[in-house]
């Protein structure tokens, strides 16, 4: 039995380009090569492995075979490992960052942000910090687009090229103004929230397009700004889920009321520190991620 050959890194990169762009011509444009060179590279890869990677008979666009899907997964792992090695080497050569761009999810509690950034300033006084605040998939989009090196993001589907490190969660609870009918009712029946306008934080990116989190209202107002949602809730315009630390004072003073809804709406909004696998954070960025991770450890221990 003939042993498979050893593919080159270039062949694996061509395979990924074909899959990511959906065609041989698209891969050629992405890699700035002739389409014939792309076809030749894929054919050589198939010959090296002794496997047919694309179904060329039943469809115009190249579709991966079962073997092709297996090879694709391994190819991504190899390329990510190489990117990680290069990124680590680059970090060791460059040393401490001169500046750091970070993006934080708007739901990250204020006390956690202030703790991390105050300590960061003391630890790295020479590093210029650029801070962005976004919501939902827009956090990950800034990291993917290299606008930010690291981000603190809410729950997302797994994305190739993005590394995640758990940094805890924030409790989300359903609230409304004290005069809202959901707040004044003695007992809300199951599904009561569907009969009232729900204020929902929406995504400025396409990464979570069409994906709703804890949305039950058939009538919704979509808001891209958490402060605007907070303001409208206090004004009695609808109900919605809010991070508990942000509204603790409102609950204490009665400006907002926690709703008793049988649907058990709310729960933990899980967060991760994220960065690109080909652009690993340097010493300052790594320290900041560790600070957020330690915050979560302390919180879970209390």
Protein backbone atom coordinates (compact mmCIF):
# COMPACT_ATOMS: atom_id res chain seq x y z
CA UNK A 1 0.00 0.00 0.00
CA UNK A 2 1.40 3.38 -1.03
CA UNK A 3 1.93 5.86 1.80
CA UNK A 4 0.47 9.38 1.37
CA UNK A 5 2.97 12.09 0.53
CA UNK A 6 3.63 15.22 2.59
CA UNK A 7 1.62 18.29 1.47
CA UNK A 8 3.34 21.65 1.37
CA UNK A 9 2.10 24.64 3.38
CA UNK A 10 1.41 26.40 0.10
CA UNK A 11 -0.88 23.59 -1.05
CA UNK A 12 -2.81 23.78 2.22
CA UNK A 13 -3.16 27.56 1.90
CA UNK A 14 -4.52 27.11 -1.64
CA UNK A 15 -7.06 24.56 -0.37
CA UNK A 16 -8.27 26.98 2.32
CA UNK A 17 -8.49 29.82 -0.21
CA UNK A 18 -10.67 27.72 -2.56
CA UNK A 19 -13.03 26.78 0.27
CA UNK A 20 -13.16 30.28 1.77
CA UNK A 21 -13.85 32.01 -1.57
CA UNK A 22 -16.07 29.26 -2.99
CA UNK A 23 -14.24 28.85 -6.30
CA UNK A 24 -10.88 28.31 -7.95
CA UNK A 25 -11.15 31.72 -9.61
CA UNK A 26 -11.88 33.37 -6.26
CA UNK A 27 -8.85 31.69 -4.72
CA UNK A 28 -6.75 32.90 -7.64
CA UNK A 29 -7.84 36.49 -7.02
CA UNK A 30 -7.25 36.20 -3.29
CA UNK A 31 -3.75 34.76 -3.71
CA UNK A 32 -2.93 36.87 -6.79
CA UNK A 33 -2.24 33.83 -8.97
CA UNK A 34 -3.57 32.40 -12.19
CA UNK A 35 -6.58 30.08 -11.94
CA UNK A 36 -4.59 27.37 -13.71
CA UNK A 37 -1.95 27.55 -10.97
CA UNK A 38 -4.66 27.07 -8.32
CA UNK A 39 -6.08 24.05 -10.17
CA UNK A 40 -2.59 22.57 -10.57
CA UNK A 41 -1.84 23.05 -6.86
CA UNK A 42 -5.07 21.32 -5.79
CA UNK A 43 -4.45 18.46 -8.24
CA UNK A 44 -0.95 18.00 -6.82
CA UNK A 45 -2.34 17.99 -3.28
CA UNK A 46 -4.86 15.29 -4.24
CA UNK A 47 -2.08 13.28 -5.86
CA UNK A 48 0.14 13.65 -2.78
CA UNK A 49 -2.60 12.38 -0.46
CA UNK A 50 -4.17 9.89 -2.86
CA UNK A 51 -7.59 11.41 -2.16
CA UNK A 52 -10.23 13.25 -4.16
CA UNK A 53 -10.92 16.47 -2.27
CA UNK A 54 -13.51 18.12 -4.52
CA UNK A 55 -16.58 16.79 -6.35
CA UNK A 56 -16.12 18.10 -9.89
CA UNK A 57 -18.84 16.03 -11.54
CA UNK A 58 -22.22 16.97 -10.02
CA UNK A 59 -21.82 20.70 -9.38
CA UNK A 60 -20.34 23.75 -11.06
CA UNK A 61 -18.86 25.09 -7.85
CA UNK A 62 -16.20 23.01 -6.13
CA UNK A 63 -17.81 21.00 -3.32
CA UNK A 64 -15.72 19.17 -0.74
CA UNK A 65 -15.95 15.40 -0.62
CA UNK A 66 -15.99 13.59 2.73
CA UNK A 67 -12.24 13.20 2.43
CA UNK A 68 -11.97 16.88 1.52
CA UNK A 69 -13.79 17.93 4.69
CA UNK A 70 -11.41 15.84 6.78
CA UNK A 71 -8.36 17.33 5.08
CA UNK A 72 -9.81 20.83 5.42
CA UNK A 73 -10.04 20.51 9.20
CA UNK A 74 -6.46 19.28 9.45
CA UNK A 75 -5.26 22.00 7.07
CA UNK A 76 -6.83 24.73 9.22
CA UNK A 77 -5.18 23.28 12.32
CA UNK A 78 -1.76 23.23 10.62
CA UNK A 79 -2.05 26.79 9.29
CA UNK A 80 -3.30 28.07 12.67
CA UNK A 81 -0.34 26.40 14.38
CA UNK A 82 2.09 28.01 11.95
CA UNK A 83 0.39 31.40 12.43
CA UNK A 84 0.66 30.96 16.18
CA UNK A 85 4.37 30.10 15.95
CA UNK A 86 5.08 33.14 13.77
CA UNK A 87 3.03 35.41 16.03
CA UNK A 88 4.85 34.22 19.16
CA UNK A 89 8.22 34.70 17.47
CA UNK A 90 7.22 38.19 16.37
CA UNK A 91 6.15 39.06 19.91
CA UNK A 92 9.48 37.93 21.35
CA UNK A 93 11.37 39.97 18.78
CA UNK A 94 9.30 43.10 19.28
CA UNK A 95 8.97 43.00 23.06
CA UNK A 96 6.51 45.31 24.81
CA UNK A 97 3.81 46.94 22.66
CA UNK A 98 4.03 50.70 22.16
CA UNK A 99 0.24 50.84 21.89
CA UNK A 100 -2.69 48.51 22.45
CA UNK A 101 -6.13 48.57 20.80
CA UNK A 102 -8.86 46.78 22.75
CA UNK A 103 -12.63 46.45 22.29
CA UNK A 104 -14.99 45.65 25.16
CA UNK A 105 -18.55 44.38 25.12
CA UNK A 106 -20.90 47.09 26.36
CA UNK A 107 -22.36 44.60 28.86
CA UNK A 108 -19.05 44.19 30.71
CA UNK A 109 -19.68 45.65 34.18
CA UNK A 110 -18.19 49.07 34.85
CA UNK A 111 -16.33 48.00 37.99
CA UNK A 112 -14.49 45.32 36.02
CA UNK A 113 -13.49 47.76 33.29
CA UNK A 114 -12.21 50.34 35.80
CA UNK A 115 -10.32 47.74 37.82
CA UNK A 116 -8.57 46.32 34.75
CA UNK A 117 -7.69 49.64 33.10
CA UNK A 118 -6.59 51.39 36.30
CA UNK A 119 -4.22 48.52 37.05
CA UNK A 120 -3.09 48.46 33.42
CA UNK A 121 -2.09 52.13 33.58
CA UNK A 122 0.02 51.43 36.67
CA UNK A 123 1.68 48.36 35.14
CA UNK A 124 2.32 49.75 31.65
CA UNK A 125 2.63 53.57 31.80
CA UNK A 126 4.43 53.73 28.44
CA UNK A 127 1.76 51.82 26.47
CA UNK A 128 -0.83 54.00 24.70
CA UNK A 129 -4.30 52.47 25.03
CA UNK A 130 -7.06 52.75 22.43
CA UNK A 131 -10.45 51.66 23.79
CA UNK A 132 -13.56 50.77 21.76
CA UNK A 133 -16.95 49.83 23.20
CA UNK A 134 -19.23 47.65 21.06
CA UNK A 135 -22.00 45.09 21.48
CA UNK A 136 -22.55 41.47 20.41
CA UNK A 137 -20.83 40.49 17.15
CA UNK A 138 -19.38 43.97 16.56
CA UNK A 139 -16.73 43.19 19.20
CA UNK A 140 -15.47 40.17 17.28
CA UNK A 141 -15.71 42.06 13.98
CA UNK A 142 -13.20 44.68 15.18
CA UNK A 143 -10.78 41.92 16.18
CA UNK A 144 -11.26 40.07 12.88
CA UNK A 145 -10.66 43.32 10.98
CA UNK A 146 -7.49 43.98 13.02
CA UNK A 147 -8.87 47.26 14.36
CA UNK A 148 -8.41 45.83 17.87
CA UNK A 149 -5.81 43.31 19.02
CA UNK A 150 -7.92 41.87 21.82
CA UNK A 151 -11.58 42.00 22.76
CA UNK A 152 -13.93 40.98 25.53
CA UNK A 153 -16.87 39.48 23.67
CA UNK A 154 -20.20 37.90 24.45
CA UNK A 155 -21.31 34.43 23.28
CA UNK A 156 -20.64 33.70 19.61
CA UNK A 157 -20.37 30.65 17.41
CA UNK A 158 -16.79 29.39 16.93
CA UNK A 159 -14.95 31.39 14.28
CA UNK A 160 -11.82 30.16 12.51
CA UNK A 161 -8.75 32.18 13.38
CA UNK A 162 -10.13 33.45 16.71
CA UNK A 163 -8.84 32.21 20.07
CA UNK A 164 -11.10 32.42 23.14
CA UNK A 165 -10.34 32.51 26.86
CA UNK A 166 -13.21 32.47 29.35
CA UNK A 167 -13.42 35.61 31.52
CA UNK A 168 -16.68 35.02 33.37
CA UNK A 169 -20.18 36.29 32.80
CA UNK A 170 -22.69 38.95 33.79
CA UNK A 171 -26.17 38.27 35.14
CA UNK A 172 -28.99 39.55 32.91
CA UNK A 173 -32.39 40.17 34.49
CA UNK A 174 -35.76 41.27 33.03
CA UNK A 175 -36.82 44.72 34.25
CA UNK A 176 -39.34 47.49 33.59
CA UNK A 177 -40.39 50.80 35.09
CA UNK A 178 -42.54 50.46 38.24
CA UNK A 179 -45.65 51.67 36.39
CA UNK A 180 -45.35 49.11 33.60
CA UNK A 181 -48.19 46.56 33.59
CA UNK A 182 -45.71 43.64 33.83
CA UNK A 183 -44.34 45.23 37.02
CA UNK A 184 -47.73 45.93 38.61
CA UNK A 185 -49.34 42.55 37.88
CA UNK A 186 -49.70 40.25 40.88
CA UNK A 187 -48.97 37.12 38.85
CA UNK A 188 -47.70 37.22 35.27
CA UNK A 189 -48.85 34.15 33.31
CA UNK A 190 -46.42 32.24 31.08
CA UNK A 191 -45.75 34.19 27.88
CA UNK A 192 -46.83 37.52 29.38
CA UNK A 193 -43.73 39.22 27.99
CA UNK A 194 -44.86 38.50 24.43
CA UNK A 195 -47.79 40.90 24.81
CA UNK A 196 -45.61 43.94 25.48
CA UNK A 197 -42.89 45.83 23.62
CA UNK A 198 -39.49 44.30 24.40
CA UNK A 199 -36.43 46.53 24.10
CA UNK A 200 -33.62 44.53 22.49
CA UNK A 201 -29.94 45.36 22.06
CA UNK A 202 -29.07 44.80 18.41
CA UNK A 203 -25.86 44.02 16.56
CA UNK A 204 -23.98 46.50 14.37
CA UNK A 205 -22.20 43.62 12.59
CA UNK A 206 -23.40 40.67 10.51
CA UNK A 207 -21.78 38.04 12.75
CA UNK A 208 -24.94 37.48 14.81
CA UNK A 209 -27.41 38.63 12.18
CA UNK A 210 -30.75 36.87 12.64
CA UNK A 211 -29.70 35.44 16.00
CA UNK A 212 -31.71 36.68 18.98
CA UNK A 213 -30.68 36.14 22.59
CA UNK A 214 -33.51 35.95 25.20
CA UNK A 215 -36.01 37.64 22.86
CA UNK A 216 -39.62 36.58 23.43
CA UNK A 217 -41.59 39.69 22.53
CA UNK A 218 -43.57 39.62 19.30
CA UNK A 219 -43.25 43.41 19.27
CA UNK A 220 -39.67 44.65 19.69
CA UNK A 221 -37.72 47.87 19.53
CA UNK A 222 -34.15 47.29 18.35
CA UNK A 223 -31.53 49.56 19.90
CA UNK A 224 -27.82 49.69 19.07
CA UNK A 225 -26.94 51.55 22.28
CA UNK A 226 -27.22 50.13 25.81
CA UNK A 227 -27.57 53.60 27.36
CA UNK A 228 -30.56 54.32 25.13
CA UNK A 229 -32.15 51.04 26.18
CA UNK A 230 -31.57 51.93 29.84
CA UNK A 231 -33.14 55.35 29.34
CA UNK A 232 -36.26 53.99 27.60
CA UNK A 233 -36.75 51.31 30.24
CA UNK A 234 -36.79 53.92 33.00
CA UNK A 235 -39.26 55.96 30.95
CA UNK A 236 -41.66 53.00 30.88
CA UNK A 237 -41.32 52.34 27.15
CA UNK A 238 -41.27 48.55 27.11
CA UNK A 239 -39.39 45.97 29.16
CA UNK A 240 -36.09 44.24 28.61
CA UNK A 241 -33.10 42.36 29.98
CA UNK A 242 -30.31 44.40 31.53
CA UNK A 243 -26.97 43.56 33.19
CA UNK A 244 -27.65 43.46 36.93
CA UNK A 245 -24.57 45.50 38.00
CA UNK A 246 -25.58 48.37 35.71
CA UNK A 247 -29.07 48.72 37.20
CA UNK A 248 -28.38 47.82 40.84
CA UNK A 249 -28.97 51.44 41.93
CA UNK A 250 -32.15 51.68 39.87
CA UNK A 251 -33.51 48.56 41.56
CA UNK A 252 -32.56 49.88 45.00
CA UNK A 253 -34.27 53.23 44.41
CA UNK A 254 -37.31 51.80 42.63
CA UNK A 255 -36.67 53.43 39.25
CA UNK A 256 -36.73 49.93 37.78
CA UNK A 257 -38.41 46.74 39.00
CA UNK A 258 -37.23 43.19 38.49
CA UNK A 259 -39.98 41.30 36.66
CA UNK A 260 -41.31 37.98 37.84
CA UNK A 261 -41.79 36.12 34.56
CA UNK A 262 -42.48 32.35 34.58
CA UNK A 263 -40.56 32.03 31.30
CA UNK A 264 -37.31 32.36 33.32
CA UNK A 265 -36.07 35.05 30.94
CA UNK A 266 -32.58 36.33 31.65
CA UNK A 267 -29.59 34.32 32.82
CA UNK A 268 -25.83 34.57 32.46
CA UNK A 269 -24.26 36.38 29.50
CA UNK A 270 -20.98 34.50 29.08
CA UNK A 271 -17.90 36.46 28.01
CA UNK A 272 -14.54 35.53 26.46
CA UNK A 273 -11.30 37.34 25.85
CA UNK A 274 -10.60 36.96 22.12
CA UNK A 275 -7.71 37.58 19.74
CA UNK A 276 -6.62 36.48 16.28
CA UNK A 277 -4.49 33.33 16.20
CA UNK A 278 -2.08 35.04 13.77
CA UNK A 279 -1.74 38.19 15.92
CA UNK A 280 -1.10 37.10 19.47
CA UNK A 281 -1.17 39.80 22.14
CA UNK A 282 2.18 40.97 23.48
CA UNK A 283 3.14 41.32 27.15
CA UNK A 284 0.73 44.19 27.86
CA UNK A 285 -2.21 42.59 26.05
CA UNK A 286 -1.55 39.22 27.68
CA UNK A 287 -1.44 40.89 31.11
CA UNK A 288 -4.80 42.57 30.48
CA UNK A 289 -6.44 39.28 29.43
CA UNK A 290 -5.09 37.63 32.56
CA UNK A 291 -6.51 40.46 34.69
CA UNK A 292 -10.00 39.87 33.27
CA UNK A 293 -9.60 36.13 33.79
CA UNK A 294 -8.55 36.62 37.42
CA UNK A 295 -11.56 38.88 38.01
CA UNK A 296 -13.80 35.98 36.96
CA UNK A 297 -11.99 33.59 39.30
CA UNK A 298 -12.42 35.94 42.25
CA UNK A 299 -16.11 36.46 41.40
CA UNK A 300 -16.82 32.72 41.19
CA UNK A 301 -15.04 32.10 44.51
CA UNK A 302 -17.20 34.65 46.36
